[in-house]
PDB file of N, CA and C in Angstrom:
ATOM      1  N   MET A   1      94.480  75.246  79.439  1.00  0.00           N
ATOM      2  CA  MET A   1      95.309  75.587  80.582  1.00  0.00           C
ATOM      3  C   MET A   1      96.585  74.748  80.523  1.00  0.00           C
ATOM      4  N   ASN A   2      97.669  75.329  80.949  1.00  0.00           N
ATOM      5  CA  ASN A   2      98.946  74.627  80.970  1.00  0.00           C
ATOM      6  C   ASN A   2      98.978  73.591  82.083  1.00  0.00           C
ATOM      7  N   GLN A   3      99.926  72.696  82.005  1.00  0.00           N
ATOM      8  CA  GLN A   3     100.103  71.663  83.015  1.00  0.00           C
ATOM      9  C   GLN A   3     101.074  72.145  84.092  1.00  0.00           C
ATOM     10  N   TRP A   4     100.911  71.606  85.287  1.00  0.00           N
ATOM     11  CA  TRP A   4     101.828  71.910  86.370  1.00  0.00           C
ATOM     12  C   TRP A   4     103.200  71.329  86.043  1.00  0.00           C
ATOM     13  N   ILE A   5     104.252  72.073  86.401  1.00  0.00           N
ATOM     14  CA  ILE A   5     105.635  71.660  86.171  1.00  0.00           C
ATOM     15  C   ILE A   5     106.298  71.471  87.532  1.00  0.00           C
ATOM     16  N   SER A   6     106.903  70.327  87.744  1.00  0.00           N
ATOM     17  CA  SER A   6     107.599  70.073  89.003  1.00  0.00           C
ATOM     18  C   SER A   6     108.852  70.948  89.084  1.00  0.00           C
ATOM     19  N   VAL A   7     109.123  71.498  90.256  1.00  0.00           N
ATOM     20  CA  VAL A   7     110.345  72.296  90.437  1.00  0.00           C
ATOM     21  C   VAL A   7     111.582  71.417  90.320  1.00  0.00           C
ATOM     22  N   ASN A   8     111.410  70.112  90.457  1.00  0.00           N
ATOM     23  CA  ASN A   8     112.522  69.182  90.280  1.00  0.00           C
ATOM     24  C   ASN A   8     112.897  69.026  88.808  1.00  0.00           C
ATOM     25  N   ASP A   9     111.939  69.332  87.919  1.00  0.00           N
ATOM     26  CA  ASP A   9     112.178  69.198  86.479  1.00  0.00           C
ATOM     27  C   ASP A   9     112.651  70.496  85.844  1.00  0.00           C
ATOM     28  N   GLN A  10     112.102  71.619  86.303  1.00  0.00           N
ATOM     29  CA  GLN A  10     112.416  72.910  85.679  1.00  0.00           C
ATOM     30  C   GLN A  10     111.959  74.040  86.586  1.00  0.00           C
ATOM     31  N   LEU A  11     112.705  75.137  86.560  1.00  0.00           N
ATOM     32  CA  LEU A  11     112.317  76.349  87.277  1.00  0.00           C
ATOM     33  C   LEU A  11     112.009  77.440  86.261  1.00  0.00           C
ATOM     34  N   PRO A  12     111.120  78.361  86.597  1.00  0.00           N
ATOM     35  CA  PRO A  12     110.835  79.455  85.663  1.00  0.00           C
ATOM     36  C   PRO A  12     111.999  80.437  85.597  1.00  0.00           C
ATOM     37  N   GLU A  13     111.944  81.321  84.635  1.00  0.00           N
ATOM     38  CA  GLU A  13     112.939  82.393  84.536  1.00  0.00           C
ATOM     39  C   GLU A  13     112.848  83.256  85.797  1.00  0.00           C
ATOM     40  N   THR A  14     113.973  83.816  86.185  1.00  0.00           N
ATOM     41  CA  THR A  14     113.995  84.713  87.335  1.00  0.00           C
ATOM     42  C   THR A  14     113.058  85.892  87.105  1.00  0.00           C
ATOM     43  N   ARG A  15     112.264  86.208  88.125  1.00  0.00           N
ATOM     44  CA  ARG A  15     111.322  87.329  88.171  1.00  0.00           C
ATOM     45  C   ARG A  15     110.145  87.194  87.223  1.00  0.00           C
ATOM     46  N   LYS A  16     109.907  86.010  86.678  1.00  0.00           N
ATOM     47  CA  LYS A  16     108.720  85.799  85.844  1.00  0.00           C
ATOM     48  C   LYS A  16     107.586  85.366  86.765  1.00  0.00           C
ATOM     49  N   ARG A  17     106.480  86.103  86.738  1.00  0.00           N
ATOM     50  CA  ARG A  17     105.339  85.750  87.578  1.00  0.00           C
ATOM     51  C   ARG A  17     104.691  84.476  87.072  1.00  0.00           C
ATOM     52  N   VAL A  18     104.459  83.560  88.006  1.00  0.00           N
ATOM     53  CA  VAL A  18     103.844  82.280  87.686  1.00  0.00           C
ATOM     54  C   VAL A  18     102.886  81.893  88.808  1.00  0.00           C
ATOM     55  N   LEU A  19     102.092  80.881  88.559  1.00  0.00           N
ATOM     56  CA  LEU A  19     101.240  80.306  89.587  1.00  0.00           C
ATOM     57  C   LEU A  19     102.039  79.181  90.242  1.00  0.00           C
ATOM     58  N   VAL A  20     102.110  79.168  91.567  1.00  0.00           N
ATOM     59  CA  VAL A  20     102.863  78.135  92.271  1.00  0.00           C
ATOM     60  C   VAL A  20     101.938  77.344  93.192  1.00  0.00           C
ATOM     61  N   SER A  21     102.336  76.116  93.468  1.00  0.00           N
ATOM     62  CA  SER A  21     101.585  75.255  94.373  1.00  0.00           C
ATOM     63  C   SER A  21     102.538  74.745  95.454  1.00  0.00           C
ATOM     64  N   PHE A  22     102.044  74.711  96.677  1.00  0.00           N
ATOM     65  CA  PHE A  22     102.834  74.235  97.802  1.00  0.00           C
ATOM     66  C   PHE A  22     101.914  73.631  98.834  1.00  0.00           C
ATOM     67  N   ILE A  23     102.494  72.921  99.790  1.00  0.00           N
ATOM     68  CA  ILE A  23     101.717  72.327 100.872  1.00  0.00           C
ATOM     69  C   ILE A  23     101.976  73.149 102.126  1.00  0.00           C
ATOM     70  N   THR A  24     100.909  73.614 102.758  1.00  0.00           N
ATOM     71  CA  THR A  24     101.032  74.445 103.957  1.00  0.00           C
ATOM     72  C   THR A  24     101.467  73.606 105.155  1.00  0.00           C
ATOM     73  N   SER A  25     101.822  74.274 106.227  1.00  0.00           N
ATOM     74  CA  SER A  25     102.240  73.568 107.441  1.00  0.00           C
ATOM     75  C   SER A  25     101.108  72.718 108.018  1.00  0.00           C
ATOM     76  N   SER A  26      99.856  73.040 107.671  1.00  0.00           N
ATOM     77  CA  SER A  26      98.720  72.242 108.141  1.00  0.00           C
ATOM     78  C   SER A  26      98.406  71.083 107.185  1.00  0.00           C
ATOM     79  N   GLY A  27      99.222  70.937 106.132  1.00  0.00           N
ATOM     80  CA  GLY A  27      99.055  69.806 105.214  1.00  0.00           C
ATOM     81  C   GLY A  27      98.124  70.049 104.045  1.00  0.00           C
ATOM     82  N   LYS A  28      97.665  71.283 103.861  1.00  0.00           N
ATOM     83  CA  LYS A  28      96.751  71.582 102.752  1.00  0.00           C
ATOM     84  C   LYS A  28      97.534  72.113 101.558  1.00  0.00           C
ATOM     85  N   ARG A  29      97.104  71.721 100.380  1.00  0.00           N
ATOM     86  CA  ARG A  29      97.731  72.239  99.166  1.00  0.00           C
ATOM     87  C   ARG A  29      97.158  73.619  98.890  1.00  0.00           C
ATOM     88  N   TRP A  30      98.017  74.550  98.495  1.00  0.00           N
ATOM     89  CA  TRP A  30      97.623  75.927  98.258  1.00  0.00           C
ATOM     90  C   TRP A  30      98.309  76.429  97.005  1.00  0.00           C
ATOM     91  N   ALA A  31      97.739  77.432  96.375  1.00  0.00           N
ATOM     92  CA  ALA A  31      98.338  78.046  95.192  1.00  0.00           C
ATOM     93  C   ALA A  31      98.316  79.559  95.345  1.00  0.00           C
ATOM     94  N   THR A  32      99.317  80.207  94.776  1.00  0.00           N
ATOM     95  CA  THR A  32      99.395  81.663  94.794  1.00  0.00           C
ATOM     96  C   THR A  32     100.264  82.114  93.626  1.00  0.00           C
ATOM     97  N   CYS A  33     100.257  83.391  93.362  1.00  0.00           N
ATOM     98  CA  CYS A  33     101.091  83.971  92.314  1.00  0.00           C
ATOM     99  C   CYS A  33     102.436  84.343  92.940  1.00  0.00           C
ATOM    100  N   ALA A  34     103.525  83.931  92.291  1.00  0.00           N
ATOM    101  CA  ALA A  34     104.847  84.179  92.869  1.00  0.00           C
ATOM    102  C   ALA A  34     105.890  84.346  91.776  1.00  0.00           C
ATOM    103  N   GLU A  35     107.082  84.745  92.206  1.00  0.00           N
ATOM    104  CA  GLU A  35     108.243  84.870  91.320  1.00  0.00           C
ATOM    105  C   GLU A  35     109.386  84.069  91.923  1.00  0.00           C
ATOM    106  N   TYR A  36     110.194  83.456  91.068  1.00  0.00           N
ATOM    107  CA  TYR A  36     111.382  82.741  91.541  1.00  0.00           C
ATOM    108  C   TYR A  36     112.595  83.643  91.320  1.00  0.00           C
ATOM    109  N   ILE A  37     113.473  83.693  92.324  1.00  0.00           N
ATOM    110  CA  ILE A  37     114.723  84.437  92.214  1.00  0.00           C
ATOM    111  C   ILE A  37     115.864  83.421  92.281  1.00  0.00           C
ATOM    112  N   ALA A  38     116.603  83.299  91.190  1.00  0.00           N
ATOM    113  CA  ALA A  38     117.758  82.396  91.154  1.00  0.00           C
ATOM    114  C   ALA A  38     118.907  83.028  91.940  1.00  0.00           C
ATOM    115  N   PRO A  39     119.844  82.202  92.430  1.00  0.00           N
ATOM    116  CA  PRO A  39     120.966  82.740  93.209  1.00  0.00           C
ATOM    117  C   PRO A  39     121.780  83.772  92.422  1.00  0.00           C
ATOM    118  N   ARG A  40     122.129  84.860  93.118  1.00  0.00           N
ATOM    119  CA  ARG A  40     123.018  85.909  92.596  1.00  0.00           C
ATOM    120  C   ARG A  40     122.555  86.471  91.239  1.00  0.00           C
ATOM    121  N   THR A  41     121.266  86.746  91.136  1.00  0.00           N
ATOM    122  CA  THR A  41     120.740  87.304  89.882  1.00  0.00           C
ATOM    123  C   THR A  41     120.088  88.665  90.047  1.00  0.00           C
ATOM    124  N   VAL A  42     119.603  88.976  91.247  1.00  0.00           N
ATOM    125  CA  VAL A  42     118.869  90.231  91.452  1.00  0.00           C
ATOM    126  C   VAL A  42     119.450  90.954  92.671  1.00  0.00           C
ATOM    127  N   PRO A  43     120.037  92.147  92.457  1.00  0.00           N
ATOM    128  CA  PRO A  43     120.528  92.909  93.614  1.00  0.00           C
ATOM    129  C   PRO A  43     119.384  93.211  94.575  1.00  0.00           C
ATOM    130  N   GLU A  44     119.665  93.051  95.857  1.00  0.00           N
ATOM    131  CA  GLU A  44     118.632  93.224  96.870  1.00  0.00           C
ATOM    132  C   GLU A  44     118.022  94.617  96.846  1.00  0.00           C
ATOM    133  N   ASP A  45     118.826  95.654  96.597  1.00  0.00           N
ATOM    134  CA  ASP A  45     118.285  97.017  96.607  1.00  0.00           C
ATOM    135  C   ASP A  45     117.375  97.297  95.419  1.00  0.00           C
ATOM    136  N   GLU A  46     117.361  96.430  94.414  1.00  0.00           N
ATOM    137  CA  GLU A  46     116.451  96.581  93.273  1.00  0.00           C
ATOM    138  C   GLU A  46     115.148  95.811  93.468  1.00  0.00           C
ATOM    139  N   TYR A  47     115.114  94.945  94.471  1.00  0.00           N
ATOM    140  CA  TYR A  47     113.954  94.062  94.623  1.00  0.00           C
ATOM    141  C   TYR A  47     113.246  94.209  95.967  1.00  0.00           C
ATOM    142  N   MET A  48     113.997  94.567  96.997  1.00  0.00           N
ATOM    143  CA  MET A  48     113.442  94.589  98.341  1.00  0.00           C
ATOM    144  C   MET A  48     113.459  95.995  98.920  1.00  0.00           C
ATOM    145  N   ASP A  49     112.417  96.336  99.671  1.00  0.00           N
ATOM    146  CA  ASP A  49     112.409  97.554 100.450  1.00  0.00           C
ATOM    147  C   ASP A  49     113.407  97.343 101.591  1.00  0.00           C
ATOM    148  N   GLU A  50     114.195  98.356 101.919  1.00  0.00           N
ATOM    149  CA  GLU A  50     115.270  98.172 102.908  1.00  0.00           C
ATOM    150  C   GLU A  50     114.770  97.689 104.264  1.00  0.00           C
ATOM    151  N   GLN A  51     113.515  97.978 104.621  1.00  0.00           N
ATOM    152  CA  GLN A  51     113.026  97.510 105.914  1.00  0.00           C
ATOM    153  C   GLN A  51     112.618  96.042 105.894  1.00  0.00           C
ATOM    154  N   TYR A  52     112.529  95.435 104.693  1.00  0.00           N
ATOM    155  CA  TYR A  52     112.122  94.035 104.590  1.00  0.00           C
ATOM    156  C   TYR A  52     113.233  93.120 104.101  1.00  0.00           C
ATOM    157  N   THR A  53     114.442  93.617 103.964  1.00  0.00           N
ATOM    158  CA  THR A  53     115.529  92.773 103.477  1.00  0.00           C
ATOM    159  C   THR A  53     115.890  91.731 104.530  1.00  0.00           C
ATOM    160  N   ASP A  54     116.451  90.631 104.044  1.00  0.00           N
ATOM    161  CA  ASP A  54     116.877  89.596 104.990  1.00  0.00           C
ATOM    162  C   ASP A  54     118.391  89.430 104.969  1.00  0.00           C
ATOM    163  N   GLY A  55     119.084  90.457 104.464  1.00  0.00           N
ATOM    164  CA  GLY A  55     120.537  90.405 104.454  1.00  0.00           C
ATOM    165  C   GLY A  55     121.065  89.327 103.538  1.00  0.00           C
ATOM    166  N   GLY A  56     120.707  89.418 102.268  1.00  0.00           N
ATOM    167  CA  GLY A  56     121.150  88.435 101.285  1.00  0.00           C
ATOM    168  C   GLY A  56     122.658  88.326 101.212  1.00  0.00           C
ATOM    169  N   GLU A  57     123.141  87.535 100.293  1.00  0.00           N
ATOM    170  CA  GLU A  57     124.568  87.273 100.158  1.00  0.00           C
ATOM    171  C   GLU A  57     125.317  88.518  99.689  1.00  0.00           C
ATOM    172  N   TYR A  58     126.356  88.905 100.445  1.00  0.00           N
ATOM    173  CA  TYR A  58     127.145  90.068 100.082  1.00  0.00           C
ATOM    174  C   TYR A  58     128.170  89.686  99.023  1.00  0.00           C
ATOM    175  N   ASP A  59     128.302  90.534  97.994  1.00  0.00           N
ATOM    176  CA  ASP A  59     129.262  90.336  96.906  1.00  0.00           C
ATOM    177  C   ASP A  59     130.262  91.478  96.983  1.00  0.00           C
ATOM    178  N   GLU A  60     131.439  91.195  97.524  1.00  0.00           N
ATOM    179  CA  GLU A  60     132.448  92.228  97.715  1.00  0.00           C
ATOM    180  C   GLU A  60     132.907  92.823  96.390  1.00  0.00           C
ATOM    181  N   GLU A  61     133.052  91.994  95.367  1.00  0.00           N
ATOM    182  CA  GLU A  61     133.529  92.465  94.058  1.00  0.00           C
ATOM    183  C   GLU A  61     132.578  93.503  93.453  1.00  0.00           C
ATOM    184  N   ASN A  62     131.281  93.280  93.580  1.00  0.00           N
ATOM    185  CA  ASN A  62     130.286  94.202  93.031  1.00  0.00           C
ATOM    186  C   ASN A  62     129.739  95.169  94.076  1.00  0.00           C
ATOM    187  N   ASP A  63     130.178  95.026  95.331  1.00  0.00           N
ATOM    188  CA  ASP A  63     129.730  95.854  96.441  1.00  0.00           C
ATOM    189  C   ASP A  63     128.205  95.924  96.506  1.00  0.00           C
ATOM    190  N   CYS A  64     127.591  94.751  96.550  1.00  0.00           N
ATOM    191  CA  CYS A  64     126.129  94.705  96.654  1.00  0.00           C
ATOM    192  C   CYS A  64     125.723  93.449  97.412  1.00  0.00           C
ATOM    193  N   TYR A  65     124.465  93.454  97.836  1.00  0.00           N
ATOM    194  CA  TYR A  65     123.861  92.259  98.416  1.00  0.00           C
ATOM    195  C   TYR A  65     122.924  91.683  97.368  1.00  0.00           C
ATOM    196  N   TRP A  66     122.971  90.370  97.196  1.00  0.00           N
ATOM    197  CA  TRP A  66     122.059  89.705  96.276  1.00  0.00           C
ATOM    198  C   TRP A  66     120.803  89.299  97.030  1.00  0.00           C
ATOM    199  N   THR A  67     119.655  89.409  96.383  1.00  0.00           N
ATOM    200  CA  THR A  67     118.409  88.933  96.973  1.00  0.00           C
ATOM    201  C   THR A  67     118.556  87.444  97.255  1.00  0.00           C
ATOM    202  N   THR A  68     118.133  87.022  98.434  1.00  0.00           N
ATOM    203  CA  THR A  68     118.185  85.610  98.783  1.00  0.00           C
ATOM    204  C   THR A  68     117.369  84.817  97.768  1.00  0.00           C
ATOM    205  N   SER A  69     117.953  83.761  97.232  1.00  0.00           N
ATOM    206  CA  SER A  69     117.247  82.985  96.212  1.00  0.00           C
ATOM    207  C   SER A  69     116.048  82.275  96.833  1.00  0.00           C
ATOM    208  N   GLY A  70     115.043  82.052  96.018  1.00  0.00           N
ATOM    209  CA  GLY A  70     113.836  81.364  96.473  1.00  0.00           C
ATOM    210  C   GLY A  70     112.603  81.926  95.808  1.00  0.00           C
ATOM    211  N   TRP A  71     111.459  81.609  96.372  1.00  0.00           N
ATOM    212  CA  TRP A  71     110.158  82.010  95.843  1.00  0.00           C
ATOM    213  C   TRP A  71     109.618  83.181  96.640  1.00  0.00           C
ATOM    214  N   TYR A  72     109.088  84.194  95.940  1.00  0.00           N
ATOM    215  CA  TYR A  72     108.529  85.383  96.567  1.00  0.00           C
ATOM    216  C   TYR A  72     107.105  85.584  96.075  1.00  0.00           C
ATOM    217  N   GLU A  73     106.183  85.665  97.033  1.00  0.00           N
ATOM    218  CA  GLU A  73     104.790  85.875  96.676  1.00  0.00           C
ATOM    219  C   GLU A  73     104.637  87.239  96.023  1.00  0.00           C
ATOM    220  N   PHE A  74     103.937  87.278  94.898  1.00  0.00           N
ATOM    221  CA  PHE A  74     103.741  88.532  94.184  1.00  0.00           C
ATOM    222  C   PHE A  74     102.850  89.445  95.011  1.00  0.00           C
ATOM    223  N   ASN A  75     103.226  90.714  95.046  1.00  0.00           N
ATOM    224  CA  ASN A  75     102.493  91.710  95.798  1.00  0.00           C
ATOM    225  C   ASN A  75     102.273  92.917  94.894  1.00  0.00           C
ATOM    226  N   TYR A  76     101.166  93.587  95.040  1.00  0.00           N
ATOM    227  CA  TYR A  76     100.889  94.761  94.215  1.00  0.00           C
ATOM    228  C   TYR A  76     101.822  95.921  94.518  1.00  0.00           C
ATOM    229  N   GLU A  77     102.388  95.954  95.720  1.00  0.00           N
ATOM    230  CA  GLU A  77     103.359  96.987  96.060  1.00  0.00           C
ATOM    231  C   GLU A  77     104.729  96.465  95.639  1.00  0.00           C
ATOM    232  N   PRO A  78     105.338  97.055  94.624  1.00  0.00           N
ATOM    233  CA  PRO A  78     106.545  96.468  94.038  1.00  0.00           C
ATOM    234  C   PRO A  78     107.741  96.333  94.960  1.00  0.00           C
ATOM    235  N   GLU A  79     107.857  97.128  95.992  1.00  0.00           N
ATOM    236  CA  GLU A  79     109.021  97.033  96.865  1.00  0.00           C
ATOM    237  C   GLU A  79     108.818  96.051  98.014  1.00  0.00           C
ATOM    238  N   THR A  80     107.611  95.506  98.156  1.00  0.00           N
ATOM    239  CA  THR A  80     107.333  94.587  99.248  1.00  0.00           C
ATOM    240  C   THR A  80     107.150  93.191  98.676  1.00  0.00           C
ATOM    241  N   ASN A  81     108.191  92.394  98.758  1.00  0.00           N
ATOM    242  CA  ASN A  81     108.151  91.032  98.246  1.00  0.00           C
ATOM    243  C   ASN A  81     108.353  90.070  99.406  1.00  0.00           C
ATOM    244  N   TRP A  82     107.347  89.254  99.677  1.00  0.00           N
ATOM    245  CA  TRP A  82     107.376  88.354 100.816  1.00  0.00           C
ATOM    246  C   TRP A  82     107.884  86.991 100.381  1.00  0.00           C
ATOM    247  N   ARG A  83     108.945  86.530 101.008  1.00  0.00           N
ATOM    248  CA  ARG A  83     109.503  85.227 100.693  1.00  0.00           C
ATOM    249  C   ARG A  83     108.574  84.145 101.217  1.00  0.00           C
ATOM    250  N   LEU A  84     108.265  83.173 100.361  1.00  0.00           N
ATOM    251  CA  LEU A  84     107.401  82.072 100.783  1.00  0.00           C
ATOM    252  C   LEU A  84     108.177  81.148 101.715  1.00  0.00           C
ATOM    253  N   GLY A  85     107.616  80.863 102.864  1.00  0.00           N
ATOM    254  CA  GLY A  85     108.253  79.971 103.822  1.00  0.00           C
ATOM    255  C   GLY A  85     108.022  78.506 103.496  1.00  0.00           C
ATOM    256  N   GLU A  86     106.955  78.217 102.760  1.00  0.00           N
ATOM    257  CA  GLU A  86     106.644  76.841 102.399  1.00  0.00           C
ATOM    258  C   GLU A  86     107.450  76.423 101.174  1.00  0.00           C
ATOM    259  N   GLU A  87     107.660  75.140 101.025  1.00  0.00           N
ATOM    260  CA  GLU A  87     108.415  74.628  99.891  1.00  0.00           C
ATOM    261  C   GLU A  87     107.496  74.485  98.678  1.00  0.00           C
ATOM    262  N   VAL A  88     107.796  75.257  97.639  1.00  0.00           N
ATOM    263  CA  VAL A  88     107.021  75.179  96.403  1.00  0.00           C
ATOM    264  C   VAL A  88     107.359  73.853  95.722  1.00  0.00           C
ATOM    265  N   THR A  89     106.321  73.137  95.278  1.00  0.00           N
ATOM    266  CA  THR A  89     106.531  71.845  94.619  1.00  0.00           C
ATOM    267  C   THR A  89     106.306  71.906  93.118  1.00  0.00           C
ATOM    268  N   HIS A  90     105.398  72.801  92.682  1.00  0.00           N
ATOM    269  CA  HIS A  90     105.044  72.882  91.261  1.00  0.00           C
ATOM    270  C   HIS A  90     104.752  74.333  90.877  1.00  0.00           C
ATOM    271  N   TRP A  91     104.832  74.600  89.586  1.00  0.00           N
ATOM    272  CA  TRP A  91     104.499  75.921  89.069  1.00  0.00           C
ATOM    273  C   TRP A  91     103.934  75.772  87.660  1.00  0.00           C
ATOM    274  N   MET A  92     103.279  76.820  87.197  1.00  0.00           N
ATOM    275  CA  MET A  92     102.799  76.873  85.810  1.00  0.00           C
ATOM    276  C   MET A  92     102.707  78.331  85.377  1.00  0.00           C
ATOM    277  N   PRO A  93     102.853  78.568  84.058  1.00  0.00           N
ATOM    278  CA  PRO A  93     102.701  79.945  83.581  1.00  0.00           C
ATOM    279  C   PRO A  93     101.295  80.457  83.883  1.00  0.00           C
ATOM    280  N   LEU A  94     101.190  81.756  84.077  1.00  0.00           N
ATOM    281  CA  LEU A  94      99.875  82.362  84.289  1.00  0.00           C
ATOM    282  C   LEU A  94      99.083  82.337  82.982  1.00  0.00           C
ATOM    283  N   PRO A  95      97.776  82.189  83.065  1.00  0.00           N
ATOM    284  CA  PRO A  95      96.970  82.256  81.843  1.00  0.00           C
ATOM    285  C   PRO A  95      96.959  83.678  81.302  1.00  0.00           C
ATOM    286  N   LYS A  96      96.600  83.812  80.047  1.00  0.00           N
ATOM    287  CA  LYS A  96      96.474  85.150  79.444  1.00  0.00           C
ATOM    288  C   LYS A  96      95.334  85.881  80.116  1.00  0.00           C
ATOM    289  N   ALA A  97      95.498  87.188  80.249  1.00  0.00           N
ATOM    290  CA  ALA A  97      94.448  88.034  80.834  1.00  0.00           C
ATOM    291  C   ALA A  97      93.263  88.107  79.867  1.00  0.00           C
ATOM    292  N   PRO A  98      92.063  88.319  80.367  1.00  0.00           N
ATOM    293  CA  PRO A  98      90.907  88.432  79.481  1.00  0.00           C
ATOM    294  C   PRO A  98      91.024  89.669  78.597  1.00  0.00           C
ATOM    295  N   GLU A  99      90.395  89.620  77.470  1.00  0.00           N
ATOM    296  CA  GLU A  99      90.356  90.757  76.545  1.00  0.00           C
ATOM    297  C   GLU A  99      89.543  91.880  77.182  1.00  0.00           C
ATOM    298  N   ALA A 100      89.991  93.106  76.968  1.00  0.00           N
ATOM    299  CA  ALA A 100      89.239  94.262  77.468  1.00  0.00           C
ATOM    300  C   ALA A 100      87.980  94.438  76.632  1.00  0.00           C
ATOM    301  N   THR A 101      86.880  94.732  77.294  1.00  0.00           N
ATOM    302  CA  THR A 101      85.625  94.997  76.591  1.00  0.00           C
ATOM    303  C   THR A 101      85.209  96.433  76.833  1.00  0.00           C
ATOM    304  N   GLU A 102      84.509  96.957  75.885  1.00  0.00           N
ATOM    305  CA  GLU A 102      84.058  98.359  76.027  1.00  0.00           C
ATOM    306  C   GLU A 102      82.749  98.434  76.742  1.00  0.00           C
TER     307      GLU A 102
END
């Protein structure tokens, strides 16, 4: 298994699914699968369902809104990406999926 990487040392590539760790508001450490979105890298209309947008940064030159940078919990429904409210402290690449058996 890979080692945890501090977000202070390195961030994953934009939109790469990784395992993240954070401390909840109740003080418990938690982990979930998430993606990091770097500033001004993903147009909001390509990543967010219009009813869940948070009005990211408008870019007049490109006439688009950028997805607000931060961590988004991975969801099976591709248009519904929930921004994590807690501060992510560490991340690691996901392990390889198990081999398919017949």
